[in-house]
PDB file of all heavy atoms in Angstrom:
ATOM      1  N   ALA A   1       3.480   2.536 -12.375  1.00  0.00           N
ATOM      2  CA  ALA A   1       2.258   3.346 -12.317  1.00  0.00           C
ATOM      3  C   ALA A   1       1.399   2.957 -11.114  1.00  0.00           C
ATOM      4  O   ALA A   1       1.150   1.780 -10.857  1.00  0.00           O
ATOM      5  CB  ALA A   1       1.467   3.173 -13.608  1.00  0.00           C
ATOM      6  N   VAL A   2       0.940   3.961 -10.366  1.00  0.00           N
ATOM      7  CA  VAL A   2       0.100   3.718  -9.202  1.00  0.00           C
ATOM      8  C   VAL A   2      -1.361   3.789  -9.643  1.00  0.00           C
ATOM      9  O   VAL A   2      -2.037   4.808  -9.515  1.00  0.00           O
ATOM     10  CB  VAL A   2       0.401   4.734  -8.070  1.00  0.00           C
ATOM     11  CG1 VAL A   2      -0.445   4.428  -6.839  1.00  0.00           C
ATOM     12  CG2 VAL A   2       1.883   4.669  -7.717  1.00  0.00           C
ATOM     13  N   VAL A   3      -1.823   2.689 -10.201  1.00  0.00           N
ATOM     14  CA  VAL A   3      -3.185   2.601 -10.731  1.00  0.00           C
ATOM     15  C   VAL A   3      -3.785   1.256 -10.329  1.00  0.00           C
ATOM     16  O   VAL A   3      -3.077   0.333  -9.927  1.00  0.00           O
ATOM     17  CB  VAL A   3      -3.207   2.744 -12.273  1.00  0.00           C
ATOM     18  CG1 VAL A   3      -2.677   4.100 -12.709  1.00  0.00           C
ATOM     19  CG2 VAL A   3      -2.374   1.623 -12.924  1.00  0.00           C
ATOM     20  N   GLY A   4      -5.106   1.147 -10.444  1.00  0.00           N
ATOM     21  CA  GLY A   4      -5.789  -0.121 -10.212  1.00  0.00           C
ATOM     22  C   GLY A   4      -5.578  -0.673  -8.826  1.00  0.00           C
ATOM     23  O   GLY A   4      -5.717   0.028  -7.818  1.00  0.00           O
ATOM     24  N   VAL A   5      -5.225  -1.960  -8.769  1.00  0.00           N
ATOM     25  CA  VAL A   5      -5.041  -2.656  -7.502  1.00  0.00           C
ATOM     26  C   VAL A   5      -3.989  -1.958  -6.642  1.00  0.00           C
ATOM     27  O   VAL A   5      -4.173  -1.775  -5.429  1.00  0.00           O
ATOM     28  CB  VAL A   5      -4.639  -4.129  -7.745  1.00  0.00           C
ATOM     29  CG1 VAL A   5      -4.156  -4.781  -6.458  1.00  0.00           C
ATOM     30  CG2 VAL A   5      -5.807  -4.914  -8.335  1.00  0.00           C
ATOM     31  N   LYS A   6      -2.883  -1.544  -7.268  1.00  0.00           N
ATOM     32  CA  LYS A   6      -1.810  -0.889  -6.509  1.00  0.00           C
ATOM     33  C   LYS A   6      -2.318   0.410  -5.880  1.00  0.00           C
ATOM     34  O   LYS A   6      -2.045   0.695  -4.707  1.00  0.00           O
ATOM     35  CB  LYS A   6      -0.620  -0.597  -7.417  1.00  0.00           C
ATOM     36  CG  LYS A   6       0.553   0.056  -6.690  1.00  0.00           C
ATOM     37  CD  LYS A   6       1.697   0.392  -7.628  1.00  0.00           C
ATOM     38  CE  LYS A   6       2.446  -0.826  -8.072  1.00  0.00           C
ATOM     39  NZ  LYS A   6       3.658  -0.473  -8.841  1.00  0.00           N
ATOM     40  N   GLN A   7      -3.057   1.183  -6.628  1.00  0.00           N
ATOM     41  CA  GLN A   7      -3.584   2.462  -6.092  1.00  0.00           C
ATOM     42  C   GLN A   7      -4.519   2.204  -4.924  1.00  0.00           C
ATOM     43  O   GLN A   7      -4.444   2.895  -3.894  1.00  0.00           O
ATOM     44  CB  GLN A   7      -4.329   3.217  -7.206  1.00  0.00           C
ATOM     45  CG  GLN A   7      -4.823   4.608  -6.790  1.00  0.00           C
ATOM     46  CD  GLN A   7      -6.229   4.592  -6.217  1.00  0.00           C
ATOM     47  OE1 GLN A   7      -6.934   3.596  -6.266  1.00  0.00           O
ATOM     48  NE2 GLN A   7      -6.630   5.721  -5.643  1.00  0.00           N
ATOM     49  N   ARG A   8      -5.392   1.209  -5.031  1.00  0.00           N
ATOM     50  CA  ARG A   8      -6.371   0.963  -3.975  1.00  0.00           C
ATOM     51  C   ARG A   8      -5.707   0.458  -2.690  1.00  0.00           C
ATOM     52  O   ARG A   8      -6.076   0.870  -1.587  1.00  0.00           O
ATOM     53  CB  ARG A   8      -7.418  -0.048  -4.459  1.00  0.00           C
ATOM     54  CG  ARG A   8      -8.314   0.502  -5.575  1.00  0.00           C
ATOM     55  CD  ARG A   8      -9.487  -0.404  -5.853  1.00  0.00           C
ATOM     56  NE  ARG A   8      -9.111  -1.671  -6.462  1.00  0.00           N
ATOM     57  CZ  ARG A   8      -8.962  -1.859  -7.768  1.00  0.00           C
ATOM     58  NH1 ARG A   8      -9.126  -0.839  -8.610  1.00  0.00           N
ATOM     59  NH2 ARG A   8      -8.653  -3.057  -8.238  1.00  0.00           N
ATOM     60  N   ARG A   9      -4.718  -0.399  -2.852  1.00  0.00           N
ATOM     61  CA  ARG A   9      -4.021  -0.894  -1.651  1.00  0.00           C
ATOM     62  C   ARG A   9      -3.256   0.216  -0.958  1.00  0.00           C
ATOM     63  O   ARG A   9      -3.320   0.371   0.270  1.00  0.00           O
ATOM     64  CB  ARG A   9      -3.074  -2.025  -2.054  1.00  0.00           C
ATOM     65  CG  ARG A   9      -3.744  -3.298  -2.524  1.00  0.00           C
ATOM     66  CD  ARG A   9      -2.713  -4.291  -3.022  1.00  0.00           C
ATOM     67  NE  ARG A   9      -3.278  -5.570  -3.409  1.00  0.00           N
ATOM     68  CZ  ARG A   9      -2.584  -6.580  -3.890  1.00  0.00           C
ATOM     69  NH1 ARG A   9      -1.254  -6.440  -4.066  1.00  0.00           N
ATOM     70  NH2 ARG A   9      -3.152  -7.723  -4.206  1.00  0.00           N
ATOM     71  N   LEU A  10      -2.496   0.986  -1.735  1.00  0.00           N
ATOM     72  CA  LEU A  10      -1.707   2.077  -1.154  1.00  0.00           C
ATOM     73  C   LEU A  10      -2.600   3.130  -0.534  1.00  0.00           C
ATOM     74  O   LEU A  10      -2.302   3.654   0.542  1.00  0.00           O
ATOM     75  CB  LEU A  10      -0.807   2.698  -2.221  1.00  0.00           C
ATOM     76  CG  LEU A  10       0.343   1.816  -2.741  1.00  0.00           C
ATOM     77  CD1 LEU A  10       1.042   2.483  -3.912  1.00  0.00           C
ATOM     78  CD2 LEU A  10       1.338   1.512  -1.625  1.00  0.00           C
ATOM     79  N   LYS A  11      -3.703   3.446  -1.199  1.00  0.00           N
ATOM     80  CA  LYS A  11      -4.634   4.439  -0.667  1.00  0.00           C
ATOM     81  C   LYS A  11      -5.175   4.011   0.687  1.00  0.00           C
ATOM     82  O   LYS A  11      -5.248   4.809   1.636  1.00  0.00           O
ATOM     83  CB  LYS A  11      -5.787   4.661  -1.648  1.00  0.00           C
ATOM     84  CG  LYS A  11      -6.793   5.717  -1.212  1.00  0.00           C
ATOM     85  CD  LYS A  11      -7.880   5.898  -2.284  1.00  0.00           C
ATOM     86  CE  LYS A  11      -8.876   6.961  -1.846  1.00  0.00           C
ATOM     87  NZ  LYS A  11      -9.941   7.141  -2.895  1.00  0.00           N
ATOM     88  N   ALA A  12      -5.543   2.738   0.804  1.00  0.00           N
ATOM     89  CA  ALA A  12      -6.081   2.235   2.072  1.00  0.00           C
ATOM     90  C   ALA A  12      -5.050   2.329   3.190  1.00  0.00           C
ATOM     91  O   ALA A  12      -5.372   2.726   4.323  1.00  0.00           O
ATOM     92  CB  ALA A  12      -6.556   0.795   1.883  1.00  0.00           C
ATOM     93  N   LEU A  13      -3.808   1.968   2.896  1.00  0.00           N
ATOM     94  CA  LEU A  13      -2.755   2.052   3.911  1.00  0.00           C
ATOM     95  C   LEU A  13      -2.509   3.500   4.323  1.00  0.00           C
ATOM     96  O   LEU A  13      -2.424   3.833   5.518  1.00  0.00           O
ATOM     97  CB  LEU A  13      -1.468   1.436   3.376  1.00  0.00           C
ATOM     98  CG  LEU A  13      -1.447  -0.089   3.225  1.00  0.00           C
ATOM     99  CD1 LEU A  13      -0.259  -0.523   2.396  1.00  0.00           C
ATOM    100  CD2 LEU A  13      -1.416  -0.773   4.595  1.00  0.00           C
ATOM    101  N   LEU A  14      -2.383   4.390   3.339  1.00  0.00           N
ATOM    102  CA  LEU A  14      -2.054   5.790   3.621  1.00  0.00           C
ATOM    103  C   LEU A  14      -3.195   6.494   4.350  1.00  0.00           C
ATOM    104  O   LEU A  14      -2.964   7.283   5.272  1.00  0.00           O
ATOM    105  CB  LEU A  14      -1.704   6.517   2.333  1.00  0.00           C
ATOM    106  CG  LEU A  14      -0.398   6.049   1.650  1.00  0.00           C
ATOM    107  CD1 LEU A  14      -0.288   6.579   0.245  1.00  0.00           C
ATOM    108  CD2 LEU A  14       0.813   6.473   2.489  1.00  0.00           C
ATOM    109  N   GLN A  15      -4.432   6.221   3.931  1.00  0.00           N
ATOM    110  CA  GLN A  15      -5.568   6.875   4.590  1.00  0.00           C
ATOM    111  C   GLN A  15      -5.690   6.459   6.039  1.00  0.00           C
ATOM    112  O   GLN A  15      -6.182   7.224   6.882  1.00  0.00           O
ATOM    113  CB  GLN A  15      -6.856   6.556   3.839  1.00  0.00           C
ATOM    114  CG  GLN A  15      -7.040   7.336   2.548  1.00  0.00           C
ATOM    115  CD  GLN A  15      -8.375   7.056   1.898  1.00  0.00           C
ATOM    116  OE1 GLN A  15      -8.972   5.987   2.071  1.00  0.00           O
ATOM    117  NE2 GLN A  15      -8.874   8.040   1.151  1.00  0.00           N
ATOM    118  N   ASN A  16      -5.249   5.257   6.352  1.00  0.00           N
ATOM    119  CA  ASN A  16      -5.367   4.748   7.727  1.00  0.00           C
ATOM    120  C   ASN A  16      -4.060   4.819   8.496  1.00  0.00           C
ATOM    121  O   ASN A  16      -3.973   4.294   9.608  1.00  0.00           O
ATOM    122  CB  ASN A  16      -5.904   3.324   7.693  1.00  0.00           C
ATOM    123  CG  ASN A  16      -7.354   3.262   7.273  1.00  0.00           C
ATOM    124  OD1 ASN A  16      -8.247   3.426   8.100  1.00  0.00           O
ATOM    125  ND2 ASN A  16      -7.607   3.038   5.983  1.00  0.00           N
ATOM    126  N   ASP A  17      -3.048   5.461   7.900  1.00  0.00           N
ATOM    127  CA  ASP A  17      -1.771   5.713   8.578  1.00  0.00           C
ATOM    128  C   ASP A  17      -1.106   4.425   9.048  1.00  0.00           C
ATOM    129  O   ASP A  17      -0.505   4.378  10.131  1.00  0.00           O
ATOM    130  CB  ASP A  17      -1.988   6.667   9.761  1.00  0.00           C
ATOM    131  CG  ASP A  17      -0.803   7.588   9.999  1.00  0.00           C
ATOM    132  OD1 ASP A  17       0.026   7.731   9.071  1.00  0.00           O
ATOM    133  OD2 ASP A  17      -0.716   8.174  11.096  1.00  0.00           O
ATOM    134  N   ILE A  18      -1.206   3.375   8.219  1.00  0.00           N
ATOM    135  CA  ILE A  18      -0.634   2.068   8.552  1.00  0.00           C
ATOM    136  C   ILE A  18       0.694   1.874   7.841  1.00  0.00           C
ATOM    137  O   ILE A  18       0.783   2.061   6.623  1.00  0.00           O
ATOM    138  CB  ILE A  18      -1.593   0.923   8.192  1.00  0.00           C
ATOM    139  CG1 ILE A  18      -2.892   1.035   8.985  1.00  0.00           C
ATOM    140  CG2 ILE A  18      -0.940  -0.447   8.432  1.00  0.00           C
ATOM    141  CD1 ILE A  18      -3.936  -0.002   8.598  1.00  0.00           C
ATOM    142  N   ASN A  19       1.723   1.514   8.575  1.00  0.00           N
ATOM    143  CA  ASN A  19       3.020   1.189   7.993  1.00  0.00           C
ATOM    144  C   ASN A  19       2.949  -0.200   7.348  1.00  0.00           C
ATOM    145  O   ASN A  19       2.386  -1.126   7.930  1.00  0.00           O
ATOM    146  CB  ASN A  19       4.098   1.164   9.075  1.00  0.00           C
ATOM    147  CG  ASN A  19       4.307   2.522   9.722  1.00  0.00           C
ATOM    148  OD1 ASN A  19       5.007   3.360   9.195  1.00  0.00           O
ATOM    149  ND2 ASN A  19       3.653   2.734  10.867  1.00  0.00           N
ATOM    150  N   LEU A  20       3.537  -0.332   6.167  1.00  0.00           N
ATOM    151  CA  LEU A  20       3.700  -1.644   5.557  1.00  0.00           C
ATOM    152  C   LEU A  20       5.175  -2.014   5.599  1.00  0.00           C
ATOM    153  O   LEU A  20       6.030  -1.291   5.068  1.00  0.00           O
ATOM    154  CB  LEU A  20       3.216  -1.648   4.113  1.00  0.00           C
ATOM    155  CG  LEU A  20       3.459  -2.972   3.350  1.00  0.00           C
ATOM    156  CD1 LEU A  20       2.643  -4.108   3.973  1.00  0.00           C
ATOM    157  CD2 LEU A  20       3.142  -2.824   1.873  1.00  0.00           C
ATOM    158  N   VAL A  21       5.468  -3.144   6.226  1.00  0.00           N
ATOM    159  CA  VAL A  21       6.841  -3.641   6.352  1.00  0.00           C
ATOM    160  C   VAL A  21       6.879  -5.047   5.769  1.00  0.00           C
ATOM    161  O   VAL A  21       6.053  -5.895   6.115  1.00  0.00           O
ATOM    162  CB  VAL A  21       7.277  -3.665   7.832  1.00  0.00           C
ATOM    163  CG1 VAL A  21       8.671  -4.253   7.970  1.00  0.00           C
ATOM    164  CG2 VAL A  21       7.230  -2.267   8.415  1.00  0.00           C
ATOM    165  N   ALA A  22       7.834  -5.266   4.854  1.00  0.00           N
ATOM    166  CA  ALA A  22       7.921  -6.559   4.181  1.00  0.00           C
ATOM    167  C   ALA A  22       9.364  -7.056   4.176  1.00  0.00           C
ATOM    168  O   ALA A  22      10.283  -6.280   3.952  1.00  0.00           O
ATOM    169  CB  ALA A  22       7.396  -6.444   2.753  1.00  0.00           C
ATOM    170  N   TYR A  23       9.509  -8.348   4.400  1.00  0.00           N
ATOM    171  CA  TYR A  23      10.811  -9.010   4.297  1.00  0.00           C
ATOM    172  C   TYR A  23      10.628 -10.270   3.467  1.00  0.00           C
ATOM    173  O   TYR A  23       9.872 -11.165   3.846  1.00  0.00           O
ATOM    174  CB  TYR A  23      11.375  -9.339   5.673  1.00  0.00           C
ATOM    175  CG  TYR A  23      11.766  -8.115   6.451  1.00  0.00           C
ATOM    176  CD1 TYR A  23      10.922  -7.593   7.437  1.00  0.00           C
ATOM    177  CD2 TYR A  23      12.968  -7.455   6.186  1.00  0.00           C
ATOM    178  CE1 TYR A  23      11.279  -6.448   8.140  1.00  0.00           C
ATOM    179  CE2 TYR A  23      13.319  -6.315   6.889  1.00  0.00           C
ATOM    180  CZ  TYR A  23      12.471  -5.820   7.861  1.00  0.00           C
ATOM    181  OH  TYR A  23      12.814  -4.680   8.548  1.00  0.00           O
ATOM    182  N   HIS A  24      11.358 -10.321   2.352  1.00  0.00           N
ATOM    183  CA  HIS A  24      11.220 -11.448   1.435  1.00  0.00           C
ATOM    184  C   HIS A  24      12.327 -12.471   1.685  1.00  0.00           C
ATOM    185  O   HIS A  24      12.210 -13.309   2.590  1.00  0.00           O
ATOM    186  CB  HIS A  24      11.199 -10.944  -0.005  1.00  0.00           C
ATOM    187  CG  HIS A  24      10.936 -12.013  -1.007  1.00  0.00           C
ATOM    188  ND1 HIS A  24      11.758 -12.234  -2.096  1.00  0.00           N
ATOM    189  CD2 HIS A  24       9.963 -12.950  -1.068  1.00  0.00           C
ATOM    190  CE1 HIS A  24      11.272 -13.247  -2.787  1.00  0.00           C
ATOM    191  NE2 HIS A  24      10.191 -13.714  -2.188  1.00  0.00           N
ATOM    192  N   LEU A  25      13.424 -12.439   0.952  1.00  0.00           N
ATOM    193  CA  LEU A  25      14.505 -13.414   1.147  1.00  0.00           C
ATOM    194  C   LEU A  25      15.061 -13.414   2.577  1.00  0.00           C
ATOM    195  O   LEU A  25      15.358 -14.483   3.124  1.00  0.00           O
ATOM    196  CB  LEU A  25      15.620 -13.177   0.138  1.00  0.00           C
ATOM    197  CG  LEU A  25      15.303 -13.517  -1.316  1.00  0.00           C
ATOM    198  CD1 LEU A  25      16.502 -13.225  -2.215  1.00  0.00           C
ATOM    199  CD2 LEU A  25      14.870 -14.973  -1.469  1.00  0.00           C
TER     200      LEU A  25
END
């Protein structure tokens, strides 16, 4: 579900046209 913290973070990235790139292992 895209709610709460997840919604706010994604909204900020999408509104500002910022790519999120992540590499874990």
